[in-house]
C-alpha atoms as a PDB file:
ATOM      1  CA  MET A   1      -9.630 -55.498 -15.345  1.00  0.00           C
ATOM      2  CA  THR A   2      -9.159 -56.935 -12.054  1.00  0.00           C
ATOM      3  CA  PRO A   3      -9.718 -55.120  -8.951  1.00  0.00           C
ATOM      4  CA  VAL A   4      -6.090 -54.830  -8.008  1.00  0.00           C
ATOM      5  CA  VAL A   5      -5.226 -53.074 -11.624  1.00  0.00           C
ATOM      6  CA  VAL A   6      -8.189 -50.619 -11.040  1.00  0.00           C
ATOM      7  CA  ALA A   7      -7.213 -50.128  -7.473  1.00  0.00           C
ATOM      8  CA  ALA A   8      -3.406 -49.397  -8.814  1.00  0.00           C
ATOM      9  CA  VAL A   9      -4.703 -47.128 -11.349  1.00  0.00           C
ATOM     10  CA  LEU A  10      -7.088 -44.997  -8.900  1.00  0.00           C
ATOM     11  CA  LEU A  11      -4.021 -44.717  -6.324  1.00  0.00           C
ATOM     12  CA  ALA A  12      -1.552 -43.557  -9.245  1.00  0.00           C
ATOM     13  CA  ALA A  13      -4.365 -41.061 -10.178  1.00  0.00           C
ATOM     14  CA  VAL A  14      -4.591 -39.583  -6.609  1.00  0.00           C
ATOM     15  CA  THR A  15      -0.931 -39.733  -5.914  1.00  0.00           C
ATOM     16  CA  HIS A  16      -0.224 -37.902  -9.237  1.00  0.00           C
ATOM     17  CA  ALA A  17      -3.240 -35.335  -8.645  1.00  0.00           C
ATOM     18  CA  GLY A  18      -1.435 -34.608  -5.064  1.00  0.00           C
ATOM     19  CA  TRP A  19       1.929 -34.083  -6.315  1.00  0.00           C
ATOM     20  CA  ASN A  20       0.591 -31.721  -8.940  1.00  0.00           C
ATOM     21  CA  ALA A  21      -1.468 -29.875  -6.174  1.00  0.00           C
ATOM     22  CA  LEU A  22       1.836 -29.851  -4.063  1.00  0.00           C
ATOM     23  CA  ALA A  23       4.131 -28.659  -7.080  1.00  0.00           C
ATOM     24  CA  HIS A  24       1.945 -26.116  -7.872  1.00  0.00           C
ATOM     25  CA  ARG A  25       1.922 -24.554  -4.600  1.00  0.00           C
ATOM     26  CA  ILE A  26       5.805 -24.456  -3.886  1.00  0.00           C
ATOM     27  CA  THR A  27       6.919 -21.418  -5.435  1.00  0.00           C
ATOM     28  CA  ASP A  28      10.622 -22.878  -5.720  1.00  0.00           C
ATOM     29  CA  LYS A  29      10.220 -25.448  -8.086  1.00  0.00           C
ATOM     30  CA  LEU A  30      13.896 -26.897  -7.412  1.00  0.00           C
ATOM     31  CA  ALA A  31      12.578 -27.810  -3.863  1.00  0.00           C
ATOM     32  CA  ALA A  32       9.190 -28.873  -4.939  1.00  0.00           C
ATOM     33  CA  PHE A  33      10.743 -31.614  -7.697  1.00  0.00           C
ATOM     34  CA  THR A  34      13.369 -32.310  -5.340  1.00  0.00           C
ATOM     35  CA  LEU A  35      10.705 -33.396  -2.798  1.00  0.00           C
ATOM     36  CA  ILE A  36       8.557 -35.227  -5.208  1.00  0.00           C
ATOM     37  CA  ALA A  37      11.813 -37.232  -6.458  1.00  0.00           C
ATOM     38  CA  GLY A  38      12.739 -37.713  -2.765  1.00  0.00           C
ATOM     39  CA  VAL A  39       9.569 -38.966  -1.599  1.00  0.00           C
ATOM     40  CA  GLY A  40       9.703 -41.527  -4.686  1.00  0.00           C
ATOM     41  CA  LEU A  41      13.057 -42.708  -4.020  1.00  0.00           C
ATOM     42  CA  LEU A  42      11.851 -43.489  -0.432  1.00  0.00           C
ATOM     43  CA  VAL A  43       8.569 -45.223  -1.497  1.00  0.00           C
ATOM     44  CA  GLY A  44      10.880 -47.353  -3.849  1.00  0.00           C
ATOM     45  CA  LEU A  45      13.346 -48.190  -1.377  1.00  0.00           C
ATOM     46  CA  ALA A  46      10.740 -49.397   1.085  1.00  0.00           C
ATOM     47  CA  MET A  47       9.179 -51.659  -1.836  1.00  0.00           C
ATOM     48  CA  ALA A  48      12.726 -52.856  -2.774  1.00  0.00           C
ATOM     49  CA  PRO A  49      13.032 -55.535  -0.403  1.00  0.00           C
ATOM     50  CA  PHE A  50       9.545 -57.397  -1.730  1.00  0.00           C
ATOM     51  CA  THR A  51      10.864 -57.465  -5.524  1.00  0.00           C
ATOM     52  CA  ALA A  52      13.381 -59.523  -7.183  1.00  0.00           C
ATOM     53  CA  ALA A  53      16.505 -57.449  -8.323  1.00  0.00           C
ATOM     54  CA  PRO A  54      16.311 -56.366 -11.989  1.00  0.00           C
ATOM     55  CA  ALA A  55      18.105 -58.610 -14.512  1.00  0.00           C
ATOM     56  CA  ALA A  56      21.881 -57.532 -15.510  1.00  0.00           C
ATOM     57  CA  PRO A  57      20.621 -56.564 -19.238  1.00  0.00           C
ATOM     58  CA  ALA A  58      17.976 -54.385 -17.605  1.00  0.00           C
ATOM     59  CA  TRP A  59      20.528 -51.875 -15.668  1.00  0.00           C
ATOM     60  CA  PRO A  60      21.486 -49.989 -18.788  1.00  0.00           C
ATOM     61  CA  TYR A  61      17.609 -49.243 -19.625  1.00  0.00           C
ATOM     62  CA  LEU A  62      17.243 -48.309 -16.053  1.00  0.00           C
ATOM     63  CA  ALA A  63      20.391 -46.090 -16.128  1.00  0.00           C
ATOM     64  CA  GLY A  64      19.135 -44.429 -19.581  1.00  0.00           C
ATOM     65  CA  SER A  65      15.546 -44.006 -18.144  1.00  0.00           C
ATOM     66  CA  ALA A  66      16.826 -42.272 -14.983  1.00  0.00           C
ATOM     67  CA  ALA A  67      19.162 -39.932 -17.245  1.00  0.00           C
ATOM     68  CA  LEU A  68      16.008 -39.074 -19.142  1.00  0.00           C
ATOM     69  CA  HIS A  69      13.687 -38.485 -16.015  1.00  0.00           C
ATOM     70  CA  VAL A  70      16.616 -36.029 -14.731  1.00  0.00           C
ATOM     71  CA  VAL A  71      16.492 -34.156 -18.143  1.00  0.00           C
ATOM     72  CA  TYR A  72      12.712 -34.052 -18.219  1.00  0.00           C
ATOM     73  CA  PHE A  73      12.525 -32.858 -14.596  1.00  0.00           C
ATOM     74  CA  ALA A  74      15.223 -30.146 -15.322  1.00  0.00           C
ATOM     75  CA  LEU A  75      13.035 -29.043 -18.488  1.00  0.00           C
ATOM     76  CA  LEU A  76       9.725 -29.021 -16.398  1.00  0.00           C
ATOM     77  CA  MET A  77      11.414 -26.832 -14.134  1.00  0.00           C
ATOM     78  CA  THR A  78      12.689 -24.492 -16.683  1.00  0.00           C
ATOM     79  CA  SER A  79       9.307 -24.463 -18.501  1.00  0.00           C
ATOM     80  CA  SER A  80       7.575 -23.722 -15.309  1.00  0.00           C
ATOM     81  CA  ARG A  81       9.667 -20.750 -14.569  1.00  0.00           C
ATOM     82  CA  LEU A  82       8.818 -19.509 -18.383  1.00  0.00           C
ATOM     83  CA  GLY A  83       5.105 -20.310 -18.090  1.00  0.00           C
ATOM     84  CA  ASP A  84       2.164 -20.914 -15.971  1.00  0.00           C
ATOM     85  CA  PHE A  85       2.537 -24.179 -14.454  1.00  0.00           C
ATOM     86  CA  GLY A  86      -1.023 -25.033 -14.675  1.00  0.00           C
ATOM     87  CA  GLN A  87      -0.345 -25.087 -18.509  1.00  0.00           C
ATOM     88  CA  VAL A  88       2.735 -26.141 -18.750  1.00  0.00           C
ATOM     89  CA  HIS A  89       2.816 -29.365 -16.593  1.00  0.00           C
ATOM     90  CA  PRO A  90      -0.120 -30.717 -18.516  1.00  0.00           C
ATOM     91  CA  LEU A  91       1.399 -30.075 -21.843  1.00  0.00           C
ATOM     92  CA  ALA A  92       4.710 -31.684 -20.562  1.00  0.00           C
ATOM     93  CA  ARG A  93       2.693 -34.823 -19.402  1.00  0.00           C
ATOM     94  CA  GLY A  94       0.489 -35.211 -22.121  1.00  0.00           C
ATOM     95  CA  THR A  95       3.206 -34.844 -24.816  1.00  0.00           C
ATOM     96  CA  ALA A  96       5.245 -37.877 -23.228  1.00  0.00           C
ATOM     97  CA  ALA A  97       2.119 -40.093 -24.488  1.00  0.00           C
ATOM     98  CA  LEU A  98       2.052 -38.412 -28.119  1.00  0.00           C
ATOM     99  CA  LEU A  99       6.017 -38.751 -27.990  1.00  0.00           C
ATOM    100  CA  VAL A 100       5.872 -42.527 -26.994  1.00  0.00           C
ATOM    101  CA  THR A 101       3.557 -43.412 -29.373  1.00  0.00           C
ATOM    102  CA  VAL A 102       5.350 -41.999 -32.467  1.00  0.00           C
ATOM    103  CA  LEU A 103       8.578 -43.504 -31.308  1.00  0.00           C
ATOM    104  CA  ALA A 104       7.110 -46.723 -30.738  1.00  0.00           C
ATOM    105  CA  ALA A 105       5.727 -46.782 -34.156  1.00  0.00           C
ATOM    106  CA  VAL A 106       8.759 -45.621 -35.722  1.00  0.00           C
ATOM    107  CA  LEU A 107      11.408 -47.643 -33.892  1.00  0.00           C
ATOM    108  CA  ALA A 108       9.530 -50.838 -32.758  1.00  0.00           C
ATOM    109  CA  HIS A 109       7.163 -50.981 -35.376  1.00  0.00           C
ATOM    110  CA  GLU A 110       4.128 -51.050 -32.682  1.00  0.00           C
ATOM    111  CA  VAL A 111       1.512 -49.078 -34.627  1.00  0.00           C
ATOM    112  CA  PRO A 112      -1.499 -48.633 -32.216  1.00  0.00           C
ATOM    113  CA  GLY A 113      -4.617 -49.950 -33.174  1.00  0.00           C
ATOM    114  CA  GLY A 114      -8.005 -47.920 -33.773  1.00  0.00           C
ATOM    115  CA  TRP A 115      -9.278 -47.304 -30.444  1.00  0.00           C
ATOM    116  CA  ALA A 116      -5.513 -46.617 -29.097  1.00  0.00           C
ATOM    117  CA  ALA A 117      -5.072 -44.034 -31.839  1.00  0.00           C
ATOM    118  CA  ALA A 118      -8.375 -42.357 -31.132  1.00  0.00           C
ATOM    119  CA  GLY A 119      -7.346 -42.105 -27.750  1.00  0.00           C
ATOM    120  CA  VAL A 120      -4.124 -40.479 -28.842  1.00  0.00           C
ATOM    121  CA  ALA A 121      -5.744 -38.156 -31.258  1.00  0.00           C
ATOM    122  CA  VAL A 122      -8.329 -37.149 -28.414  1.00  0.00           C
ATOM    123  CA  SER A 123      -5.148 -36.792 -25.743  1.00  0.00           C
ATOM    124  CA  CYS A 124      -3.598 -34.408 -28.330  1.00  0.00           C
ATOM    125  CA  ALA A 125      -6.795 -32.507 -28.900  1.00  0.00           C
ATOM    126  CA  GLY A 126      -7.197 -31.935 -25.405  1.00  0.00           C
ATOM    127  CA  LEU A 127      -3.558 -30.646 -25.187  1.00  0.00           C
ATOM    128  CA  THR A 128      -3.964 -28.610 -27.843  1.00  0.00           C
ATOM    129  CA  GLY A 129      -6.993 -27.029 -25.868  1.00  0.00           C
ATOM    130  CA  VAL A 130      -4.719 -26.477 -23.261  1.00  0.00           C
ATOM    131  CA  ALA A 131      -2.090 -24.783 -25.111  1.00  0.00           C
ATOM    132  CA  LEU A 132      -4.394 -22.476 -26.792  1.00  0.00           C
ATOM    133  CA  TRP A 133      -6.595 -21.623 -23.642  1.00  0.00           C
ATOM    134  CA  GLY A 134      -3.311 -20.432 -21.953  1.00  0.00           C
ATOM    135  CA  LEU A 135      -2.690 -18.014 -24.625  1.00  0.00           C
ATOM    136  CA  ARG A 136      -6.188 -16.210 -24.791  1.00  0.00           C
ATOM    137  CA  GLY A 137      -5.714 -12.511 -23.641  1.00  0.00           C
ATOM    138  CA  ARG A 138      -2.161 -12.991 -22.350  1.00  0.00           C
ATOM    139  CA  ARG A 139       0.425 -10.429 -23.603  1.00  0.00           C
ATOM    140  CA  PRO A 140       4.152 -11.814 -24.168  1.00  0.00           C
ATOM    141  CA  ARG A 141       6.254 -11.418 -21.045  1.00  0.00           C
ATOM    142  CA  GLY A 142       8.430  -8.305 -21.362  1.00  0.00           C
ATOM    143  CA  ARG A 143       5.996  -6.424 -23.488  1.00  0.00           C
ATOM    144  CA  ARG A 144       4.496  -3.188 -21.881  1.00  0.00           C
ATOM    145  CA  SER A 145       0.794  -2.308 -22.062  1.00  0.00           C
ATOM    146  CA  ALA A 146      -0.105   0.259 -24.585  1.00  0.00           C
ATOM    147  CA  ARG A 147      -1.850   2.485 -21.897  1.00  0.00           C
ATOM    148  CA  PRO A 148       0.781   4.013 -19.371  1.00  0.00           C
ATOM    149  CA  ALA A 149       0.132   3.270 -15.868  1.00  0.00           C
ATOM    150  CA  ARG A 150      -1.607   5.834 -13.654  1.00  0.00           C
ATOM    151  CA  PRO A 151       0.776   8.089 -11.355  1.00  0.00           C
ATOM    152  CA  ALA A 152       0.571   7.675  -7.848  1.00  0.00           C
ATOM    153  CA  CYS A 153      -1.540  10.326  -6.067  1.00  0.00           C
ATOM    154  CA  PRO A 154      -0.338  11.854  -2.867  1.00  0.00           C
ATOM    155  CA  SER A 155      -2.734  12.256  -0.278  1.00  0.00           C
ATOM    156  CA  PRO A 156      -4.842  15.226  -0.986  1.00  0.00           C
ATOM    157  CA  ARG A 157      -3.287  17.476   2.017  1.00  0.00           C
ATOM    158  CA  THR A 158       0.209  17.344   0.562  1.00  0.00           C
ATOM    159  CA  ARG A 159      -0.807  17.317  -3.250  1.00  0.00           C
ATOM    160  CA  SER A 160       0.295  20.357  -5.033  1.00  0.00           C
ATOM    161  CA  SER A 161      -2.082  22.265  -7.482  1.00  0.00           C
ATOM    162  CA  THR A 162      -0.184  20.826 -10.251  1.00  0.00           C
ATOM    163  CA  ASP A 163      -1.428  17.222  -9.569  1.00  0.00           C
ATOM    164  CA  SER A 164      -4.299  17.977 -11.762  1.00  0.00           C
ATOM    165  CA  ALA A 165      -4.603  14.302 -12.690  1.00  0.00           C
ATOM    166  CA  CYS A 166      -5.074  13.327  -8.970  1.00  0.00           C
ATOM    167  CA  ALA A 167      -7.848  16.001  -8.495  1.00  0.00           C
ATOM    168  CA  TRP A 168      -9.810  14.788 -11.384  1.00  0.00           C
ATOM    169  CA  ARG A 169      -9.670  11.332  -9.985  1.00  0.00           C
ATOM    170  CA  ASP A 170     -11.159  12.702  -6.447  1.00  0.00           C
ATOM    171  CA  ARG A 171     -13.768  14.540  -8.275  1.00  0.00           C
ATOM    172  CA  ARG A 172     -14.920  11.669 -10.196  1.00  0.00           C
ATOM    173  CA  SER A 173     -14.930   9.035  -7.410  1.00  0.00           C
ATOM    174  CA  ASP A 174     -16.942  11.561  -5.186  1.00  0.00           C
ATOM    175  CA  ARG A 175     -19.679  11.528  -8.062  1.00  0.00           C
ATOM    176  CA  SER A 176     -19.487   7.528  -8.208  1.00  0.00           C
ATOM    177  CA  PRO A 177     -22.740   6.244  -6.851  1.00  0.00           C
ATOM    178  CA  GLY A 178     -22.896   4.484  -3.575  1.00  0.00           C
END
C-alpha cells in the first residue's frame, strides 16, 4: 500500500472511532445521527469543488445509496433504543460486510478468494462473539427478577413496630465487621 492509502485508512479509522465515541455518549440518538450526518455533509460539500461531478449514469446509484443509508440510520437508531449501543453498533457495521460479500457473490458473481473468505469468516466469528457476549447474564427487557425488591425503610425514629424487616436489617448492619 502506498503511504497515501495507509494515511487514508488510518484517518478513516480515527474518524470512525471518534464518531462511535460521540454517538455512544449522546443519549438522544436522533440528535447524534443528525449531527454525524450533518458533519459528513459539510465535509462532502467542502471537498466537492476539488472533484469532478459524477457521470449522469451514476446518479441513480447515488440516490439509491443515499436512500439505503437513510434506512440504515433509521434501523440503527431503532436498534440502539432496543439494545446496548456498544453491542448493536458493531453488529450492524460488521453485518454489512457479510451482506455485501454474499450479495456480490450471488448478484455479481464476485466470489471472494481464500484470504478474503477467511477474513469474512473471522469477522463473522468476532460478530458472533460480540452478540453472544452481550447476552451473558442479562434478563430480557420487561421481565422482573424472581426476587422481590426490598421495601424502603423509614428512618428509625419514624418507623413503627411492624417494620420488622427494617429492624432486622438494622441489627444485621450493626453486626457487620468494620
